[in-house]
Amino acid sequence: MAKKKFAVKTAIGRTAPALIGGVAVGFLTGMLADKVPDPKIGALIPVALGAYLAATDSGKLGDAGLGMIGAAGPALLKALGVPGIGAADDRYFSAEEVDEFADALVNGAEDEDEEDLAGESEGFEDDDDY
């Protein structure tokens, strides 16, 4: 089987509309910010429009639709609370917590009743199941 050559014109021809679709999401999101009070719906509209364009056109508009999905998808995930690229965890550990955790890994836990890093007790005295 012969190798295919990389076609620069084809790559640019498909990438440019996708980038334009991503830019269009910024304009669309700005226009919808005041008109759509629900952030979930506001994040869904650019993805839905991108999906519509991608499904109905196999040419440049379809590529622009794919760019819209790629640009607006992480915002939709974040609005829905789905862990993913756009829904980063807001929990960060302080340097003190990291040191405590490292000490616990190296030295082992000193007392079962001490609180873990999440602030939850590790002891069994409160469980009535036993």
Foldseek 3Di string as FASTA:
>chain_A
DDDDDDDPCVVCQLVVLLVVLLVVLVVQLVVCPVVDPQQLVSLVVLLVCLVVQLVPDVGSSNSSSNSSCVNSVLSNCCSVCHDDDNNDDPDDDDPVLVVVVVCCVVPNDPDQQDAHSVRDGRDDPPDPPD
